[in-house]
Amino acid sequence: MKKKTKTLATVNQKFEIISLYQFSKLAMTFWVGGTLTIGIVIIPLLFKTLDEITAAGLAGQILNINAYIGIISLVLALCDVCFQARLSLLKSRKFWYIIVMEGLLIINYFTVFPIIVELRSKLADVANHVIQHTSEFSFWHSVSAIMFLIICILGTLYIVER
């Protein structure tokens, strides 16, 4: 009986192209690397080379796509951590990194981003430079940037965690 179980496990391993662990690690690396590249290179370059309205529109679209990639990557990572940790799930740092990142990402994407978009559209009619000096806009933009930074740090910690 043991030999038959062992043979089935060997057969399953032969047909396995990529494990959940490998796939989630790959997805998280892709997302965290993309997030860092977007925050450090792409968005500053957009605002340096384009006018504020165009740069903001493109940045919003890029962040929108990145948020969906992040949500999917974090769900995969959560499945992997749940599968690996089982009973000691709440003791796992990776689990808490994922939960905090997912929570921040969802709050940022579904709460803060819409506020920023609404304020930007209201203020775009007045003048481009007014957007930068509105305290409410600056506050929400800062909240979003801080959440983005925390997500980047936690994502990096998740990837280097063994």
Protein backbone atom coordinates (compact mmCIF):
# COMPACT_ATOMS: atom_id res chain seq x y z
CA MET A 1 0.00 0.00 0.00
CA LYS A 2 2.83 2.41 0.83
CA LYS A 3 4.52 1.67 -2.47
CA LYS A 4 1.36 2.56 -4.43
CA THR A 5 1.02 5.92 -2.60
CA LYS A 6 4.66 6.70 -3.20
CA THR A 7 4.29 5.90 -6.90
CA LEU A 8 1.25 8.19 -7.22
CA ALA A 9 3.18 11.03 -5.58
CA THR A 10 6.07 10.48 -8.00
CA VAL A 11 3.70 10.50 -10.99
CA ASN A 12 2.06 13.73 -9.77
CA GLN A 13 5.47 15.38 -9.37
CA LYS A 14 6.42 14.48 -12.93
CA PHE A 15 3.36 16.27 -14.31
CA GLU A 16 3.70 19.32 -12.07
CA ILE A 17 5.05 22.20 -14.15
CA ILE A 18 5.13 24.83 -11.43
CA SER A 19 4.10 24.56 -7.79
CA LEU A 20 1.81 26.97 -5.96
CA TYR A 21 4.84 28.12 -3.96
CA GLN A 22 6.85 28.87 -7.10
CA PHE A 23 3.93 30.55 -8.85
CA SER A 24 3.05 32.75 -5.88
CA LYS A 25 6.71 33.69 -5.36
CA LEU A 26 7.00 34.56 -9.07
CA ALA A 27 3.78 36.60 -8.99
CA MET A 28 4.81 38.47 -5.85
CA THR A 29 8.29 39.19 -7.23
CA PHE A 30 6.74 40.48 -10.47
CA TRP A 31 4.26 42.69 -8.58
CA VAL A 32 6.66 44.05 -5.94
CA GLY A 33 9.34 44.69 -8.58
CA GLY A 34 6.77 46.41 -10.76
CA THR A 35 5.49 48.46 -7.84
CA LEU A 36 8.99 49.65 -6.97
CA THR A 37 9.73 50.46 -10.62
CA ILE A 38 6.47 52.36 -10.97
CA GLY A 39 7.03 54.36 -7.78
CA ILE A 40 10.72 55.08 -8.22
CA VAL A 41 11.12 55.40 -11.99
CA ILE A 42 7.95 55.57 -14.07
CA ILE A 43 5.70 58.00 -12.19
CA PRO A 44 8.46 60.54 -11.46
CA LEU A 45 9.48 60.33 -15.12
CA LEU A 46 5.90 60.93 -16.24
CA PHE A 47 5.60 64.07 -14.11
CA LYS A 48 9.00 65.28 -15.25
CA THR A 49 8.32 64.91 -18.98
CA LEU A 50 4.57 65.47 -19.36
CA ASP A 51 2.13 68.15 -18.23
CA GLU A 52 0.46 67.53 -14.86
CA ILE A 53 -2.95 66.48 -16.21
CA THR A 54 -1.59 63.98 -18.74
CA ALA A 55 0.96 62.60 -16.27
CA ALA A 56 -1.71 62.21 -13.59
CA GLY A 57 -4.01 60.39 -16.01
CA LEU A 58 -1.30 57.97 -17.09
CA ALA A 59 -0.10 57.46 -13.52
CA GLY A 60 -3.67 56.66 -12.48
CA GLN A 61 -4.03 54.06 -15.23
CA ILE A 62 -0.67 52.48 -14.37
CA LEU A 63 -1.54 52.35 -10.66
CA ASN A 64 -4.95 50.88 -11.51
CA ILE A 65 -3.38 48.00 -13.44
CA ASN A 66 -0.75 47.52 -10.74
CA ALA A 67 -3.44 47.35 -8.03
CA TYR A 68 -5.25 44.51 -9.81
CA ILE A 69 -1.97 42.62 -10.32
CA GLY A 70 -1.26 43.14 -6.61
CA ILE A 71 -4.64 41.89 -5.47
CA ILE A 72 -4.27 38.71 -7.55
CA SER A 73 -0.64 38.18 -6.48
CA LEU A 74 -1.53 38.61 -2.82
CA VAL A 75 -4.41 36.14 -3.07
CA LEU A 76 -2.01 33.58 -4.59
CA ALA A 77 0.54 34.28 -1.87
CA LEU A 78 -2.14 33.94 0.81
CA CYS A 79 -3.20 30.56 -0.60
CA ASP A 80 0.42 29.43 -0.60
CA VAL A 81 1.05 30.59 2.98
CA CYS A 82 -2.18 29.00 4.20
CA PHE A 83 -1.21 25.74 2.53
CA GLN A 84 2.32 25.77 3.97
CA ALA A 85 1.67 27.11 7.49
CA ARG A 86 -1.64 25.36 8.23
CA LEU A 87 -2.03 25.38 12.02
CA SER A 88 0.73 27.89 12.69
CA LEU A 89 -0.71 30.40 10.21
CA LEU A 90 -1.17 33.21 12.73
CA LYS A 91 2.47 32.85 13.82
CA SER A 92 3.76 33.25 10.26
CA ARG A 93 5.24 36.68 9.43
CA LYS A 94 4.49 36.09 5.75
CA PHE A 95 0.81 35.73 6.59
CA TRP A 96 0.76 39.08 8.38
CA TYR A 97 2.75 40.78 5.59
CA ILE A 98 0.16 39.56 3.11
CA ILE A 99 -2.84 40.58 5.24
CA VAL A 100 -1.47 44.09 5.86
CA MET A 101 -0.46 44.58 2.20
CA GLU A 102 -3.82 43.33 0.94
CA GLY A 103 -5.69 45.56 3.38
CA LEU A 104 -3.63 48.64 2.50
CA LEU A 105 -3.90 47.93 -1.22
CA ILE A 106 -7.67 47.54 -1.07
CA ILE A 107 -8.13 50.64 1.10
CA ASN A 108 -5.81 52.65 -1.14
CA TYR A 109 -7.40 51.46 -4.37
CA PHE A 110 -11.07 51.50 -3.43
CA THR A 111 -11.12 54.42 -0.95
CA VAL A 112 -8.19 56.81 -1.38
CA PHE A 113 -7.74 56.63 -5.18
CA PRO A 114 -11.39 57.58 -5.88
CA ILE A 115 -11.07 60.59 -3.55
CA ILE A 116 -7.91 61.73 -5.36
CA VAL A 117 -9.53 61.26 -8.78
CA GLU A 118 -12.61 63.22 -7.70
CA LEU A 119 -10.58 66.08 -6.25
CA ARG A 120 -8.33 66.19 -9.30
CA SER A 121 -11.29 66.34 -11.67
CA LYS A 122 -12.95 69.11 -9.63
CA LEU A 123 -9.77 71.14 -9.50
CA ALA A 124 -8.71 70.52 -13.10
CA ASP A 125 -11.32 73.02 -14.25
CA VAL A 126 -9.81 75.81 -12.15
CA ALA A 127 -6.13 75.57 -12.96
CA ASN A 128 -3.38 73.01 -13.01
CA HIS A 129 -1.24 74.69 -10.34
CA VAL A 130 -4.15 74.90 -7.89
CA ILE A 131 -4.18 71.11 -7.62
CA GLN A 132 -0.77 71.12 -6.01
CA HIS A 133 -1.76 73.66 -3.36
CA THR A 134 -5.07 72.22 -2.20
CA SER A 135 -4.66 70.92 1.32
CA GLU A 136 -7.32 68.21 1.00
CA PHE A 137 -5.77 66.90 -2.21
CA SER A 138 -2.28 67.01 -0.69
CA PHE A 139 -3.49 65.14 2.38
CA TRP A 140 -5.08 62.28 0.42
CA HIS A 141 -2.18 62.14 -1.99
CA SER A 142 0.22 61.85 0.97
CA VAL A 143 -1.91 59.11 2.57
CA SER A 144 -1.82 57.17 -0.69
CA ALA A 145 1.94 57.66 -1.08
CA ILE A 146 2.60 56.46 2.47
CA MET A 147 0.43 53.38 1.93
CA PHE A 148 2.27 52.74 -1.34
CA LEU A 149 5.62 52.96 0.47
CA ILE A 150 4.50 50.61 3.27
CA ILE A 151 3.27 48.10 0.68
CA CYS A 152 6.65 48.27 -1.10
CA ILE A 153 8.55 47.69 2.15
CA LEU A 154 6.31 44.80 3.25
CA GLY A 155 6.44 43.27 -0.24
CA THR A 156 10.23 43.36 -0.16
CA LEU A 157 10.22 41.79 3.31
CA TYR A 158 7.84 39.09 2.09
CA ILE A 159 10.07 38.21 -0.85
CA VAL A 160 13.29 38.02 1.19
CA GLU A 161 11.60 36.08 4.03
CA ARG A 162 12.59 32.43 3.97
